[in-house]
N, C-alpha and C. Protein backbone atom coordinates (compact mmCIF):
# COMPACT_ATOMS: atom_id res chain seq x y z
N MET A 1 -6.45 -25.76 14.63
CA MET A 1 -5.88 -24.43 14.37
C MET A 1 -4.69 -24.05 14.36
N GLN A 2 -4.03 -23.33 13.10
CA GLN A 2 -2.71 -23.19 13.17
C GLN A 2 -2.44 -21.82 13.84
N GLN A 3 -1.31 -21.83 14.60
CA GLN A 3 -0.93 -20.45 15.19
C GLN A 3 0.14 -19.94 14.34
N SER A 4 0.00 -18.53 14.21
CA SER A 4 1.14 -17.91 13.53
C SER A 4 1.27 -16.62 14.01
N ALA A 5 2.48 -16.02 14.14
CA ALA A 5 3.18 -14.66 14.48
C ALA A 5 3.69 -13.91 13.50
N PHE A 6 3.86 -12.61 13.39
CA PHE A 6 4.69 -11.87 12.68
C PHE A 6 5.16 -10.53 13.28
N ILE A 7 6.18 -10.22 12.65
CA ILE A 7 6.69 -8.74 13.02
C ILE A 7 6.89 -8.12 11.65
N ALA A 8 6.17 -7.08 11.44
CA ALA A 8 6.40 -6.33 10.35
C ALA A 8 6.43 -4.64 10.58
N HIS A 9 7.04 -3.98 9.79
CA HIS A 9 7.13 -2.59 9.75
C HIS A 9 6.63 -1.92 8.33
N SER A 10 5.63 -1.07 8.72
CA SER A 10 5.23 -0.40 7.48
C SER A 10 6.00 0.71 7.01
N PRO A 11 6.16 0.95 5.72
CA PRO A 11 7.07 2.24 5.48
C PRO A 11 6.19 3.65 5.59
N TYR A 12 5.11 3.50 5.97
CA TYR A 12 4.12 4.68 6.22
C TYR A 12 3.57 4.72 7.48
N GLU A 13 3.09 5.71 8.11
CA GLU A 13 2.26 5.72 9.21
C GLU A 13 1.02 6.45 8.88
N ILE A 14 0.05 6.50 9.85
CA ILE A 14 -1.21 6.99 9.86
C ILE A 14 -0.79 8.42 9.59
N GLY A 15 -1.54 9.06 8.83
CA GLY A 15 -1.37 10.68 8.74
C GLY A 15 -0.33 11.07 7.74
N ASP A 16 0.39 10.25 7.22
CA ASP A 16 1.40 10.59 6.17
C ASP A 16 0.59 11.10 4.97
N LYS A 17 1.11 11.86 4.20
CA LYS A 17 0.52 12.48 2.94
C LYS A 17 1.35 11.80 1.83
N VAL A 18 0.84 11.10 1.06
CA VAL A 18 1.66 10.42 -0.23
C VAL A 18 0.80 10.75 -1.55
N ASN A 19 1.76 10.99 -2.53
CA ASN A 19 1.26 11.25 -3.62
C ASN A 19 1.25 9.87 -4.54
N ILE A 20 0.27 9.54 -4.87
CA ILE A 20 -0.14 8.21 -5.81
C ILE A 20 -0.83 8.47 -7.15
N THR A 21 -0.69 7.45 -7.88
CA THR A 21 -1.15 7.37 -9.10
C THR A 21 -2.37 6.08 -8.96
N PHE A 22 -3.55 6.37 -9.06
CA PHE A 22 -4.65 5.21 -8.95
C PHE A 22 -4.50 4.30 -10.10
N HIS A 23 -4.37 3.27 -10.15
CA HIS A 23 -4.71 1.94 -11.13
C HIS A 23 -5.17 0.69 -10.43
N GLY A 24 -6.75 0.99 -10.53
CA GLY A 24 -7.35 -0.07 -9.95
C GLY A 24 -7.40 -0.25 -8.30
N ALA A 25 -7.24 -1.34 -7.77
CA ALA A 25 -7.10 -1.34 -6.26
C ALA A 25 -5.50 -1.02 -5.87
N ILE A 26 -4.67 -0.48 -6.71
CA ILE A 26 -3.57 -0.26 -6.19
C ILE A 26 -3.02 1.17 -6.50
N GLY A 27 -2.29 1.65 -5.49
CA GLY A 27 -1.69 3.11 -5.54
C GLY A 27 -0.24 2.89 -6.03
N ILE A 28 0.11 3.70 -6.86
CA ILE A 28 1.57 3.54 -7.47
C ILE A 28 2.31 4.88 -6.88
N VAL A 29 3.19 4.43 -5.89
CA VAL A 29 4.02 5.64 -5.29
C VAL A 29 5.23 5.99 -6.00
N GLY A 30 5.48 7.42 -6.26
CA GLY A 30 6.60 7.66 -6.87
C GLY A 30 6.73 7.70 -8.48
N GLY A 31 5.60 7.37 -9.03
CA GLY A 31 5.54 7.31 -10.55
C GLY A 31 5.24 8.48 -10.81
N PRO A 32 5.11 8.76 -12.48
CA PRO A 32 5.08 9.95 -13.05
C PRO A 32 3.51 10.47 -12.79
N VAL A 33 3.40 11.66 -12.87
CA VAL A 33 2.18 12.46 -12.39
C VAL A 33 1.31 12.18 -13.70
N THR A 34 0.01 11.66 -13.49
CA THR A 34 -1.05 11.69 -14.65
C THR A 34 -2.33 12.33 -13.96
N ALA A 35 -3.42 12.29 -14.82
CA ALA A 35 -4.47 12.69 -14.49
C ALA A 35 -5.23 11.92 -13.32
N ARG A 36 -4.86 10.70 -13.05
CA ARG A 36 -5.23 10.09 -11.92
C ARG A 36 -4.34 9.94 -10.82
N SER A 37 -3.43 10.97 -10.79
CA SER A 37 -2.76 11.15 -9.52
C SER A 37 -3.19 12.16 -8.58
N ALA A 38 -2.95 12.01 -7.26
CA ALA A 38 -3.37 12.68 -6.15
C ALA A 38 -2.73 12.58 -4.85
N GLU A 39 -2.73 13.58 -4.06
CA GLU A 39 -2.10 13.75 -2.85
C GLU A 39 -3.22 13.01 -1.84
N VAL A 40 -2.93 12.11 -1.10
CA VAL A 40 -3.80 11.43 -0.24
C VAL A 40 -3.23 11.19 1.19
N THR A 41 -4.19 11.16 2.28
CA THR A 41 -3.79 11.01 3.49
C THR A 41 -3.93 9.63 3.90
N ILE A 42 -2.91 8.83 4.69
CA ILE A 42 -3.19 7.55 4.93
C ILE A 42 -4.04 7.57 6.27
N THR A 43 -4.97 6.83 6.45
CA THR A 43 -5.85 7.05 7.50
C THR A 43 -6.11 5.62 8.48
N ASP A 44 -5.59 4.83 7.88
CA ASP A 44 -5.58 3.30 8.49
C ASP A 44 -4.56 2.52 7.65
N ILE A 45 -4.01 1.50 8.36
CA ILE A 45 -2.88 0.54 7.96
C ILE A 45 -3.61 -0.74 8.23
N LEU A 46 -3.53 -1.75 7.36
CA LEU A 46 -3.88 -3.17 7.66
C LEU A 46 -2.81 -3.95 7.23
N ALA A 47 -2.57 -5.03 7.86
CA ALA A 47 -1.53 -5.79 7.90
C ALA A 47 -2.04 -7.26 7.37
N VAL A 48 -1.89 -7.87 6.21
CA VAL A 48 -2.67 -8.92 5.65
C VAL A 48 -1.45 -9.93 5.91
N HIS A 49 -1.72 -10.99 6.71
CA HIS A 49 -0.54 -12.07 6.70
C HIS A 49 -0.85 -13.19 6.35
N SER A 50 -0.13 -13.81 5.30
CA SER A 50 -0.22 -15.14 4.86
C SER A 50 0.55 -16.31 5.46
N CYS A 51 -0.23 -17.16 6.27
CA CYS A 51 0.37 -18.18 6.87
C CYS A 51 1.29 -19.16 5.88
N LYS A 52 0.72 -19.49 4.75
CA LYS A 52 1.24 -20.32 4.04
C LYS A 52 2.63 -19.89 3.43
N ARG A 53 2.65 -18.55 3.00
CA ARG A 53 4.03 -17.96 2.44
C ARG A 53 4.82 -17.28 3.61
N GLN A 54 4.22 -17.13 4.64
CA GLN A 54 4.96 -16.42 5.66
C GLN A 54 5.38 -15.13 5.28
N GLN A 55 4.17 -14.27 4.85
CA GLN A 55 4.54 -12.92 4.19
C GLN A 55 3.54 -12.11 4.69
N VAL A 56 3.97 -10.82 5.02
CA VAL A 56 2.88 -9.72 5.36
C VAL A 56 2.81 -8.84 4.29
N ASN A 57 1.64 -8.30 3.79
CA ASN A 57 1.43 -7.37 2.97
C ASN A 57 0.65 -6.23 3.57
N PHE A 58 0.99 -4.99 3.14
CA PHE A 58 0.22 -3.87 3.81
C PHE A 58 -0.83 -3.24 2.92
N MET A 59 -2.08 -3.09 3.33
CA MET A 59 -3.09 -2.33 2.53
C MET A 59 -3.36 -1.02 3.47
N TYR A 60 -3.65 0.08 2.78
CA TYR A 60 -3.71 1.14 3.33
C TYR A 60 -5.07 1.99 3.03
N GLU A 61 -5.69 2.49 4.01
CA GLU A 61 -7.08 3.34 3.80
C GLU A 61 -6.53 4.57 3.54
N ILE A 62 -7.05 5.19 2.72
CA ILE A 62 -6.66 6.62 2.14
C ILE A 62 -8.07 7.60 2.12
N ASN A 63 -7.90 8.52 2.69
CA ASN A 63 -8.82 9.72 3.00
C ASN A 63 -10.08 9.06 3.35
N GLU A 64 -9.92 8.05 4.41
CA GLU A 64 -10.94 7.42 5.01
C GLU A 64 -12.23 6.79 4.17
N THR A 65 -11.69 6.64 2.93
CA THR A 65 -12.82 6.36 1.91
C THR A 65 -12.42 4.82 1.32
N LYS A 66 -11.17 4.72 0.78
CA LYS A 66 -10.64 3.59 0.04
C LYS A 66 -9.70 2.74 0.51
N VAL A 67 -9.50 1.57 0.46
CA VAL A 67 -8.49 0.78 0.68
C VAL A 67 -7.59 0.26 -0.44
N LEU A 68 -6.28 0.55 -0.62
CA LEU A 68 -5.37 0.13 -1.57
C LEU A 68 -4.18 -0.54 -0.94
N GLN A 69 -3.48 -1.14 -1.90
CA GLN A 69 -2.38 -1.59 -1.87
C GLN A 69 -1.47 -0.53 -2.44
N LEU A 70 -0.33 0.09 -1.86
CA LEU A 70 0.57 0.94 -2.30
C LEU A 70 1.87 0.21 -2.99
N VAL A 71 2.26 0.30 -4.31
CA VAL A 71 3.01 -0.22 -4.50
C VAL A 71 4.38 0.84 -5.18
N GLU A 72 5.46 0.83 -5.01
CA GLU A 72 6.60 1.78 -5.45
C GLU A 72 6.85 1.67 -6.92
N TRP A 73 7.10 2.87 -7.52
CA TRP A 73 7.22 2.76 -9.04
C TRP A 73 8.22 1.98 -9.48
N GLU A 74 9.34 2.07 -8.78
CA GLU A 74 10.24 1.01 -9.25
C GLU A 74 10.00 -0.35 -9.39
N ALA A 75 9.14 -0.89 -8.43
CA ALA A 75 8.68 -2.37 -8.76
C ALA A 75 7.83 -2.53 -9.77
N VAL A 76 7.09 -1.38 -10.16
CA VAL A 76 6.19 -1.52 -11.50
C VAL A 76 6.99 -1.52 -12.53
N LYS A 77 7.86 -0.43 -12.39
CA LYS A 77 8.73 -0.31 -14.00
C LYS A 77 9.65 -1.51 -14.27
N ASN A 78 10.14 -2.12 -13.23
CA ASN A 78 10.93 -3.34 -13.30
C ASN A 78 10.26 -4.69 -13.78
N GLU A 79 8.76 -4.65 -13.46
CA GLU A 79 8.10 -5.71 -14.06
C GLU A 79 7.86 -5.78 -15.58
N LYS A 80 7.94 -4.64 -16.49
CA LYS A 80 7.70 -4.46 -17.69
C LYS A 80 8.92 -5.09 -18.34
């Protein structure tokens, strides 16, 4: 069994209110407001660690119902 450790800092905290636009399993933060936009509360934070890539991604539970990956609008806009 491989042992791995990580240190990571989430840009959000439990209880933060964030305006997001829903796009499947992704929430886009800071983007244009659409009919799929809403203010949500972060109720849990999950750190997903890849041993192979040595990378940590955060997933966020919102409003105690849905788990999403939050992506900044600038990152989405630059992919196009």
